[in-house]
């Protein structure tokens, strides 16, 4: 008869360095910020064309968790980091800051689109 194995004792958690910079890094890793690019210009006009949000989100559709690898059974859809929405009857695009870590040029493209077209951008605050 083989000898019974004893379970290993639990390991103590690794200590994390302290300080405000470390807390900021951990908070950023835990929850990237989200922004709405709103289809109202800084001058107060409705942005045209009317399907701008879908076009912008479609351009970002390949930026997905896991690199957006398709293959058999892949479907067409928006990236979870750049999604068209309607908020208060206004077209918007929800942009997750995690896109910046995946592809900085894609992040720059989206944010420059908003800037170049004078679109309002609001950070979504969690309550």
C-alpha atoms as a PDB file:
ATOM      1  CA  UNK A   1       0.000   0.000   0.000  1.00  0.00           C
ATOM      2  CA  UNK A   2       1.411   3.414  -0.932  1.00  0.00           C
ATOM      3  CA  UNK A   3       1.970   5.952   1.803  1.00  0.00           C
ATOM      4  CA  UNK A   4      -0.730   8.616   2.139  1.00  0.00           C
ATOM      5  CA  UNK A   5       0.282  12.053   0.907  1.00  0.00           C
ATOM      6  CA  UNK A   6      -0.012  14.958   3.245  1.00  0.00           C
ATOM      7  CA  UNK A   7      -1.293  18.222   1.758  1.00  0.00           C
ATOM      8  CA  UNK A   8       1.214  21.019   1.517  1.00  0.00           C
ATOM      9  CA  UNK A   9       0.731  23.896   3.947  1.00  0.00           C
ATOM     10  CA  UNK A  10      -0.723  27.039   2.328  1.00  0.00           C
ATOM     11  CA  UNK A  11       1.787  29.591   1.119  1.00  0.00           C
ATOM     12  CA  UNK A  12       1.627  33.056   2.594  1.00  0.00           C
ATOM     13  CA  UNK A  13       0.737  35.730   0.011  1.00  0.00           C
ATOM     14  CA  UNK A  14       3.613  37.609  -1.548  1.00  0.00           C
ATOM     15  CA  UNK A  15       4.028  41.056  -0.053  1.00  0.00           C
ATOM     16  CA  UNK A  16       3.304  43.909  -2.455  1.00  0.00           C
ATOM     17  CA  UNK A  17       5.370  47.070  -2.377  1.00  0.00           C
ATOM     18  CA  UNK A  18       3.544  49.995  -0.860  1.00  0.00           C
ATOM     19  CA  UNK A  19       3.173  53.564  -1.961  1.00  0.00           C
ATOM     20  CA  UNK A  20       0.835  55.759  -3.980  1.00  0.00           C
ATOM     21  CA  UNK A  21       2.455  54.889  -7.347  1.00  0.00           C
ATOM     22  CA  UNK A  22       1.950  51.154  -6.768  1.00  0.00           C
ATOM     23  CA  UNK A  23      -1.675  51.748  -5.762  1.00  0.00           C
ATOM     24  CA  UNK A  24      -2.187  53.778  -8.941  1.00  0.00           C
ATOM     25  CA  UNK A  25      -0.676  50.995 -11.090  1.00  0.00           C
ATOM     26  CA  UNK A  26      -2.773  48.311  -9.420  1.00  0.00           C
ATOM     27  CA  UNK A  27      -5.934  50.391  -9.811  1.00  0.00           C
ATOM     28  CA  UNK A  28      -5.170  50.926 -13.508  1.00  0.00           C
ATOM     29  CA  UNK A  29      -4.589  47.215 -14.027  1.00  0.00           C
ATOM     30  CA  UNK A  30      -7.737  46.308 -12.138  1.00  0.00           C
ATOM     31  CA  UNK A  31     -10.101  48.707 -13.863  1.00  0.00           C
ATOM     32  CA  UNK A  32      -9.219  50.619 -17.013  1.00  0.00           C
ATOM     33  CA  UNK A  33     -11.097  53.859 -17.478  1.00  0.00           C
ATOM     34  CA  UNK A  34     -13.922  54.141 -19.973  1.00  0.00           C
ATOM     35  CA  UNK A  35     -14.911  57.107 -22.092  1.00  0.00           C
ATOM     36  CA  UNK A  36     -17.875  58.123 -24.195  1.00  0.00           C
ATOM     37  CA  UNK A  37     -17.158  59.869 -27.452  1.00  0.00           C
ATOM     38  CA  UNK A  38     -20.410  61.748 -27.876  1.00  0.00           C
ATOM     39  CA  UNK A  39     -21.941  62.598 -31.247  1.00  0.00           C
ATOM     40  CA  UNK A  40     -22.304  66.267 -30.323  1.00  0.00           C
ATOM     41  CA  UNK A  41     -19.566  68.664 -31.370  1.00  0.00           C
ATOM     42  CA  UNK A  42     -17.979  71.126 -28.982  1.00  0.00           C
ATOM     43  CA  UNK A  43     -20.011  73.750 -30.858  1.00  0.00           C
ATOM     44  CA  UNK A  44     -23.251  71.905 -29.916  1.00  0.00           C
ATOM     45  CA  UNK A  45     -24.106  70.448 -33.335  1.00  0.00           C
ATOM     46  CA  UNK A  46     -25.117  66.839 -34.018  1.00  0.00           C
ATOM     47  CA  UNK A  47     -22.211  65.055 -35.694  1.00  0.00           C
ATOM     48  CA  UNK A  48     -22.823  63.637 -39.163  1.00  0.00           C
ATOM     49  CA  UNK A  49     -23.022  61.186 -40.873  1.00  0.00           C
ATOM     50  CA  UNK A  50     -25.649  59.531 -38.743  1.00  0.00           C
ATOM     51  CA  UNK A  51     -23.808  56.172 -38.745  1.00  0.00           C
ATOM     52  CA  UNK A  52     -20.464  57.600 -37.576  1.00  0.00           C
ATOM     53  CA  UNK A  53     -20.463  55.581 -34.330  1.00  0.00           C
ATOM     54  CA  UNK A  54     -20.966  52.264 -36.112  1.00  0.00           C
ATOM     55  CA  UNK A  55     -18.269  53.141 -38.669  1.00  0.00           C
ATOM     56  CA  UNK A  56     -15.736  54.070 -35.987  1.00  0.00           C
ATOM     57  CA  UNK A  57     -16.477  50.963 -33.912  1.00  0.00           C
ATOM     58  CA  UNK A  58     -16.275  48.778 -37.029  1.00  0.00           C
ATOM     59  CA  UNK A  59     -12.819  50.129 -37.791  1.00  0.00           C
ATOM     60  CA  UNK A  60     -11.742  48.974 -34.309  1.00  0.00           C
ATOM     61  CA  UNK A  61     -13.500  45.569 -34.471  1.00  0.00           C
ATOM     62  CA  UNK A  62     -10.302  43.538 -34.822  1.00  0.00           C
ATOM     63  CA  UNK A  63      -8.897  44.743 -31.496  1.00  0.00           C
ATOM     64  CA  UNK A  64     -10.165  42.082 -29.117  1.00  0.00           C
ATOM     65  CA  UNK A  65      -8.919  40.100 -26.148  1.00  0.00           C
ATOM     66  CA  UNK A  66      -6.604  37.392 -27.454  1.00  0.00           C
ATOM     67  CA  UNK A  67      -5.590  39.413 -30.500  1.00  0.00           C
ATOM     68  CA  UNK A  68      -8.853  39.061 -32.393  1.00  0.00           C
ATOM     69  CA  UNK A  69      -7.942  35.717 -33.917  1.00  0.00           C
ATOM     70  CA  UNK A  70     -10.917  34.506 -35.901  1.00  0.00           C
ATOM     71  CA  UNK A  71     -10.749  31.159 -37.611  1.00  0.00           C
ATOM     72  CA  UNK A  72     -13.574  28.727 -38.133  1.00  0.00           C
ATOM     73  CA  UNK A  73     -16.732  29.832 -36.403  1.00  0.00           C
ATOM     74  CA  UNK A  74     -15.539  33.426 -36.036  1.00  0.00           C
ATOM     75  CA  UNK A  75     -18.288  36.016 -36.133  1.00  0.00           C
ATOM     76  CA  UNK A  76     -18.461  39.623 -37.152  1.00  0.00           C
ATOM     77  CA  UNK A  77     -18.910  41.961 -34.228  1.00  0.00           C
ATOM     78  CA  UNK A  78     -17.601  44.971 -32.384  1.00  0.00           C
ATOM     79  CA  UNK A  79     -14.556  44.947 -30.172  1.00  0.00           C
ATOM     80  CA  UNK A  80     -15.425  45.052 -26.468  1.00  0.00           C
ATOM     81  CA  UNK A  81     -13.034  48.015 -26.263  1.00  0.00           C
ATOM     82  CA  UNK A  82     -14.913  50.223 -28.747  1.00  0.00           C
ATOM     83  CA  UNK A  83     -18.704  49.837 -28.848  1.00  0.00           C
ATOM     84  CA  UNK A  84     -21.354  52.085 -30.418  1.00  0.00           C
ATOM     85  CA  UNK A  85     -24.160  53.091 -28.057  1.00  0.00           C
ATOM     86  CA  UNK A  86     -27.058  55.492 -27.760  1.00  0.00           C
ATOM     87  CA  UNK A  87     -27.057  57.542 -24.555  1.00  0.00           C
ATOM     88  CA  UNK A  88     -29.862  60.039 -23.909  1.00  0.00           C
ATOM     89  CA  UNK A  89     -30.939  59.753 -27.577  1.00  0.00           C
ATOM     90  CA  UNK A  90     -27.418  60.664 -28.767  1.00  0.00           C
ATOM     91  CA  UNK A  91     -25.065  58.356 -30.643  1.00  0.00           C
ATOM     92  CA  UNK A  92     -21.858  57.639 -28.735  1.00  0.00           C
ATOM     93  CA  UNK A  93     -18.939  55.266 -28.803  1.00  0.00           C
ATOM     94  CA  UNK A  94     -17.872  53.641 -25.556  1.00  0.00           C
ATOM     95  CA  UNK A  95     -14.072  53.355 -25.561  1.00  0.00           C
ATOM     96  CA  UNK A  96     -12.210  51.316 -22.965  1.00  0.00           C
ATOM     97  CA  UNK A  97      -8.711  52.511 -22.071  1.00  0.00           C
ATOM     98  CA  UNK A  98      -7.513  48.888 -22.252  1.00  0.00           C
ATOM     99  CA  UNK A  99      -7.362  49.481 -26.012  1.00  0.00           C
ATOM    100  CA  UNK A 100      -4.291  51.656 -25.338  1.00  0.00           C
ATOM    101  CA  UNK A 101      -2.409  48.664 -23.894  1.00  0.00           C
ATOM    102  CA  UNK A 102      -3.446  46.339 -26.722  1.00  0.00           C
ATOM    103  CA  UNK A 103      -2.628  48.724 -29.558  1.00  0.00           C
ATOM    104  CA  UNK A 104      -1.549  52.296 -28.800  1.00  0.00           C
ATOM    105  CA  UNK A 105      -2.014  53.353 -32.429  1.00  0.00           C
ATOM    106  CA  UNK A 106      -5.664  52.216 -32.353  1.00  0.00           C
ATOM    107  CA  UNK A 107      -6.206  54.221 -29.156  1.00  0.00           C
ATOM    108  CA  UNK A 108      -4.599  57.275 -30.777  1.00  0.00           C
ATOM    109  CA  UNK A 109      -6.759  56.827 -33.873  1.00  0.00           C
ATOM    110  CA  UNK A 110      -9.997  56.814 -31.869  1.00  0.00           C
ATOM    111  CA  UNK A 111      -9.058  59.712 -29.612  1.00  0.00           C
ATOM    112  CA  UNK A 112      -7.672  61.760 -32.521  1.00  0.00           C
ATOM    113  CA  UNK A 113     -10.918  61.111 -34.410  1.00  0.00           C
ATOM    114  CA  UNK A 114     -12.799  62.720 -31.523  1.00  0.00           C
ATOM    115  CA  UNK A 115     -10.369  65.632 -31.311  1.00  0.00           C
ATOM    116  CA  UNK A 116     -10.190  66.269 -35.058  1.00  0.00           C
ATOM    117  CA  UNK A 117     -13.990  66.290 -35.347  1.00  0.00           C
ATOM    118  CA  UNK A 118     -14.459  68.442 -32.228  1.00  0.00           C
ATOM    119  CA  UNK A 119     -16.511  65.721 -30.510  1.00  0.00           C
ATOM    120  CA  UNK A 120     -17.233  65.804 -26.814  1.00  0.00           C
ATOM    121  CA  UNK A 121     -15.424  63.146 -24.757  1.00  0.00           C
ATOM    122  CA  UNK A 122     -16.505  62.268 -21.226  1.00  0.00           C
ATOM    123  CA  UNK A 123     -14.932  59.864 -18.783  1.00  0.00           C
ATOM    124  CA  UNK A 124     -17.475  57.477 -17.344  1.00  0.00           C
ATOM    125  CA  UNK A 125     -17.301  57.589 -13.585  1.00  0.00           C
ATOM    126  CA  UNK A 126     -18.362  54.614 -11.520  1.00  0.00           C
ATOM    127  CA  UNK A 127     -20.715  55.453  -8.728  1.00  0.00           C
END
